[in-house]
N, C-alpha and C. Protein backbone atom coordinates (compact mmCIF):
# COMPACT_ATOMS: atom_id res chain seq x y z
N MET A 1 -100.98 39.40 -75.75
CA MET A 1 -99.79 39.94 -76.38
C MET A 1 -98.57 39.08 -76.06
N ALA A 2 -98.39 38.77 -74.79
CA ALA A 2 -97.24 37.95 -74.40
C ALA A 2 -97.34 36.56 -75.04
N GLN A 3 -98.58 36.08 -75.16
CA GLN A 3 -98.80 34.78 -75.80
C GLN A 3 -98.34 34.82 -77.25
N ASN A 4 -98.64 35.92 -77.96
CA ASN A 4 -98.20 36.05 -79.35
C ASN A 4 -96.68 36.03 -79.45
N VAL A 5 -96.02 36.71 -78.53
CA VAL A 5 -94.56 36.76 -78.55
C VAL A 5 -93.99 35.36 -78.31
N GLN A 6 -94.54 34.65 -77.34
CA GLN A 6 -94.07 33.30 -77.05
C GLN A 6 -94.32 32.36 -78.24
N THR A 7 -95.48 32.49 -78.84
CA THR A 7 -95.81 31.65 -80.00
C THR A 7 -94.88 31.97 -81.16
N ASP A 8 -94.68 33.27 -81.41
CA ASP A 8 -93.80 33.68 -82.51
C ASP A 8 -92.35 33.26 -82.26
N THR A 9 -91.92 33.29 -81.01
CA THR A 9 -90.56 32.86 -80.68
C THR A 9 -90.40 31.37 -80.98
N ALA A 10 -91.38 30.58 -80.61
CA ALA A 10 -91.33 29.15 -80.91
C ALA A 10 -91.37 28.90 -82.41
N THR A 11 -92.23 29.64 -83.10
CA THR A 11 -92.32 29.50 -84.55
C THR A 11 -91.01 29.89 -85.21
N LEU A 12 -90.42 30.99 -84.77
CA LEU A 12 -89.14 31.44 -85.32
C LEU A 12 -88.06 30.39 -85.12
N SER A 13 -88.03 29.79 -83.95
CA SER A 13 -87.05 28.75 -83.67
C SER A 13 -87.23 27.57 -84.63
N GLN A 14 -88.47 27.17 -84.85
CA GLN A 14 -88.74 26.07 -85.77
C GLN A 14 -88.34 26.43 -87.20
N LEU A 15 -88.64 27.66 -87.60
CA LEU A 15 -88.31 28.09 -88.96
C LEU A 15 -86.81 28.19 -89.18
N VAL A 16 -86.09 28.65 -88.17
CA VAL A 16 -84.63 28.72 -88.28
C VAL A 16 -84.05 27.32 -88.41
N THR A 17 -84.57 26.40 -87.59
CA THR A 17 -84.10 25.02 -87.67
C THR A 17 -84.39 24.44 -89.06
N ALA A 18 -85.59 24.69 -89.57
CA ALA A 18 -85.94 24.20 -90.91
C ALA A 18 -85.06 24.84 -91.97
N SER A 19 -84.77 26.12 -91.80
CA SER A 19 -83.93 26.82 -92.76
C SER A 19 -82.51 26.27 -92.76
N GLU A 20 -82.00 26.02 -91.56
CA GLU A 20 -80.62 25.52 -91.44
C GLU A 20 -80.48 24.10 -91.99
N SER A 21 -81.57 23.32 -91.91
CA SER A 21 -81.48 21.94 -92.39
C SER A 21 -82.08 21.77 -93.79
N ALA A 22 -82.42 22.88 -94.43
CA ALA A 22 -83.03 22.80 -95.76
C ALA A 22 -82.05 22.22 -96.77
N VAL A 23 -82.59 21.34 -97.61
CA VAL A 23 -81.79 20.71 -98.66
C VAL A 23 -82.48 21.02 -99.98
N GLY A 24 -81.75 21.59 -100.88
CA GLY A 24 -82.31 21.89 -102.19
C GLY A 24 -82.96 23.26 -102.25
N ASN A 25 -83.10 23.74 -103.44
CA ASN A 25 -83.62 25.08 -103.66
C ASN A 25 -85.05 25.26 -103.18
N LEU A 26 -85.89 24.27 -103.38
CA LEU A 26 -87.29 24.38 -102.98
C LEU A 26 -87.41 24.52 -101.46
N GLN A 27 -86.72 23.69 -100.71
CA GLN A 27 -86.79 23.77 -99.25
C GLN A 27 -86.22 25.09 -98.75
N VAL A 28 -85.14 25.55 -99.36
CA VAL A 28 -84.54 26.83 -98.97
C VAL A 28 -85.54 27.96 -99.24
N SER A 29 -86.16 27.92 -100.41
CA SER A 29 -87.14 28.95 -100.76
C SER A 29 -88.34 28.93 -99.81
N GLN A 30 -88.82 27.74 -99.49
CA GLN A 30 -89.95 27.63 -98.57
C GLN A 30 -89.59 28.16 -97.19
N ALA A 31 -88.42 27.81 -96.69
CA ALA A 31 -87.98 28.29 -95.38
C ALA A 31 -87.85 29.81 -95.38
N THR A 32 -87.29 30.34 -96.45
CA THR A 32 -87.15 31.80 -96.57
C THR A 32 -88.52 32.47 -96.59
N ASN A 33 -89.45 31.93 -97.36
CA ASN A 33 -90.80 32.50 -97.42
C ASN A 33 -91.48 32.48 -96.06
N GLU A 34 -91.30 31.40 -95.32
CA GLU A 34 -91.92 31.31 -94.00
C GLU A 34 -91.30 32.32 -93.03
N LEU A 35 -89.98 32.50 -93.10
CA LEU A 35 -89.33 33.50 -92.25
C LEU A 35 -89.81 34.90 -92.61
N LEU A 36 -89.93 35.17 -93.89
CA LEU A 36 -90.43 36.47 -94.33
C LEU A 36 -91.87 36.69 -93.88
N ALA A 37 -92.70 35.66 -93.97
CA ALA A 37 -94.10 35.76 -93.55
C ALA A 37 -94.19 36.08 -92.05
N LEU A 38 -93.35 35.44 -91.25
CA LEU A 38 -93.35 35.72 -89.82
C LEU A 38 -92.92 37.15 -89.56
N SER A 39 -91.91 37.60 -90.26
CA SER A 39 -91.44 38.97 -90.11
C SER A 39 -92.54 39.98 -90.47
N ILE A 40 -93.23 39.72 -91.56
CA ILE A 40 -94.31 40.61 -91.98
C ILE A 40 -95.44 40.60 -90.94
N LYS A 41 -95.76 39.44 -90.42
CA LYS A 41 -96.80 39.33 -89.40
C LYS A 41 -96.44 40.19 -88.19
N GLN A 42 -95.19 40.11 -87.76
CA GLN A 42 -94.76 40.88 -86.59
C GLN A 42 -94.75 42.38 -86.90
N GLN A 43 -94.38 42.75 -88.10
CA GLN A 43 -94.41 44.17 -88.47
C GLN A 43 -95.84 44.71 -88.47
N LEU A 44 -96.78 43.91 -88.95
CA LEU A 44 -98.18 44.33 -88.93
C LEU A 44 -98.70 44.46 -87.50
N GLN A 45 -98.27 43.56 -86.63
CA GLN A 45 -98.67 43.66 -85.22
C GLN A 45 -98.12 44.94 -84.60
N ILE A 46 -96.88 45.28 -84.92
CA ILE A 46 -96.28 46.50 -84.39
C ILE A 46 -97.02 47.72 -84.91
N GLN A 47 -97.35 47.72 -86.20
CA GLN A 47 -98.09 48.85 -86.77
C GLN A 47 -99.45 48.99 -86.10
N SER A 48 -100.10 47.89 -85.86
CA SER A 48 -101.41 47.91 -85.20
C SER A 48 -101.30 48.46 -83.79
N MET A 49 -100.28 48.03 -83.05
CA MET A 49 -100.07 48.52 -81.69
C MET A 49 -99.75 50.00 -81.69
N MET A 50 -98.93 50.44 -82.64
CA MET A 50 -98.58 51.86 -82.71
C MET A 50 -99.81 52.71 -83.05
N ALA A 51 -100.64 52.23 -83.96
CA ALA A 51 -101.85 52.96 -84.32
C ALA A 51 -102.78 53.08 -83.11
N ALA A 52 -102.91 52.00 -82.35
CA ALA A 52 -103.75 52.03 -81.15
C ALA A 52 -103.18 53.01 -80.12
N GLN A 53 -101.86 53.02 -79.98
CA GLN A 53 -101.22 53.95 -79.04
C GLN A 53 -101.43 55.39 -79.47
N TYR A 54 -101.30 55.66 -80.77
CA TYR A 54 -101.51 57.03 -81.27
C TYR A 54 -102.96 57.46 -81.07
N ARG A 55 -103.91 56.55 -81.31
CA ARG A 55 -105.32 56.89 -81.09
C ARG A 55 -105.57 57.20 -79.61
N ALA A 56 -105.02 56.38 -78.74
CA ALA A 56 -105.20 56.61 -77.30
C ALA A 56 -104.58 57.94 -76.88
N SER A 57 -103.42 58.23 -77.41
CA SER A 57 -102.75 59.49 -77.10
C SER A 57 -103.55 60.69 -77.58
N THR A 58 -104.09 60.58 -78.78
CA THR A 58 -104.91 61.66 -79.33
C THR A 58 -106.17 61.87 -78.52
N LEU A 59 -106.82 60.79 -78.11
CA LEU A 59 -108.01 60.90 -77.27
C LEU A 59 -107.67 61.55 -75.93
N GLU A 60 -106.55 61.17 -75.35
CA GLU A 60 -106.14 61.76 -74.07
C GLU A 60 -105.86 63.25 -74.22
N GLN A 61 -105.20 63.64 -75.30
CA GLN A 61 -104.94 65.06 -75.54
C GLN A 61 -106.25 65.83 -75.71
N GLY A 62 -107.20 65.23 -76.38
CA GLY A 62 -108.51 65.86 -76.55
C GLY A 62 -109.22 66.04 -75.22
N ARG A 63 -109.18 65.01 -74.38
CA ARG A 63 -109.79 65.11 -73.05
C ARG A 63 -109.11 66.19 -72.22
N ASN A 64 -107.79 66.25 -72.30
CA ASN A 64 -107.06 67.27 -71.54
C ASN A 64 -107.41 68.67 -72.02
N ALA A 65 -107.50 68.86 -73.34
CA ALA A 65 -107.85 70.17 -73.89
C ALA A 65 -109.26 70.57 -73.46
N GLU A 66 -110.19 69.63 -73.51
CA GLU A 66 -111.56 69.91 -73.09
C GLU A 66 -111.61 70.26 -71.62
N SER A 67 -110.89 69.54 -70.80
CA SER A 67 -110.85 69.81 -69.36
C SER A 67 -110.26 71.20 -69.08
N GLU A 68 -109.22 71.54 -69.81
CA GLU A 68 -108.60 72.86 -69.63
C GLU A 68 -109.57 73.97 -70.02
N THR A 69 -110.29 73.77 -71.12
CA THR A 69 -111.27 74.77 -71.56
C THR A 69 -112.37 74.93 -70.52
N GLN A 70 -112.86 73.83 -69.99
CA GLN A 70 -113.90 73.89 -68.97
C GLN A 70 -113.39 74.57 -67.70
N SER A 71 -112.15 74.29 -67.34
CA SER A 71 -111.56 74.93 -66.15
C SER A 71 -111.42 76.43 -66.34
N GLN A 72 -110.98 76.84 -67.52
CA GLN A 72 -110.84 78.28 -67.80
C GLN A 72 -112.20 78.97 -67.78
N THR A 73 -113.21 78.31 -68.32
CA THR A 73 -114.56 78.88 -68.33
C THR A 73 -115.08 79.01 -66.90
N ALA A 74 -114.91 77.98 -66.10
CA ALA A 74 -115.36 78.02 -64.71
C ALA A 74 -114.63 79.12 -63.94
N PHE A 75 -113.34 79.27 -64.15
CA PHE A 75 -112.57 80.31 -63.48
C PHE A 75 -113.06 81.69 -63.90
N SER A 76 -113.28 81.87 -65.20
CA SER A 76 -113.76 83.17 -65.70
C SER A 76 -115.13 83.50 -65.11
N ASN A 77 -116.00 82.50 -65.00
CA ASN A 77 -117.32 82.72 -64.40
C ASN A 77 -117.19 83.07 -62.92
N PHE A 78 -116.24 82.44 -62.25
CA PHE A 78 -116.03 82.71 -60.82
C PHE A 78 -115.50 84.13 -60.61
N ILE A 79 -114.52 84.52 -61.39
CA ILE A 79 -113.92 85.85 -61.25
C ILE A 79 -114.87 86.93 -61.74
N GLY A 80 -115.58 86.64 -62.78
CA GLY A 80 -116.51 87.61 -63.34
C GLY A 80 -115.77 88.69 -64.10
N SER A 81 -116.40 89.86 -64.18
CA SER A 81 -115.83 90.95 -64.97
C SER A 81 -114.85 91.79 -64.16
N GLY A 82 -114.75 91.54 -62.89
CA GLY A 82 -113.87 92.34 -62.04
C GLY A 82 -114.57 93.60 -61.55
N GLN A 83 -115.82 93.76 -61.86
CA GLN A 83 -116.60 94.92 -61.47
C GLN A 83 -117.68 94.53 -60.47
N ALA A 84 -117.36 93.65 -59.54
CA ALA A 84 -118.34 93.17 -58.59
C ALA A 84 -118.76 94.26 -57.61
N TYR A 85 -117.90 95.21 -57.34
CA TYR A 85 -118.23 96.28 -56.38
C TYR A 85 -118.16 97.63 -57.10
N THR A 86 -119.25 98.34 -57.04
CA THR A 86 -119.26 99.67 -57.63
C THR A 86 -119.61 100.68 -56.53
N PRO A 87 -118.65 101.54 -56.18
CA PRO A 87 -118.92 102.51 -55.10
C PRO A 87 -119.97 103.54 -55.55
N GLN A 88 -120.74 104.03 -54.62
CA GLN A 88 -121.79 105.02 -54.92
C GLN A 88 -121.33 106.42 -54.66
């Protein structure tokens, strides 16, 4: 992940330099397209990371719910019906 950020930072720097020194409409258009492509790439990476985070969060919530259900069942089995002693 950090490698992608460093690579993208270097790429962005190169693209900005190319954009600033662009001469003519074609070079300006190419520089703009490359900057847009980098932006889109980074947005897709963010979406991918967010989706992974949401999946992990959902899995964790599921594990917690299952653990809570198991704990409640174990407690209910331990306590029983509350009628453990019946006087004669």
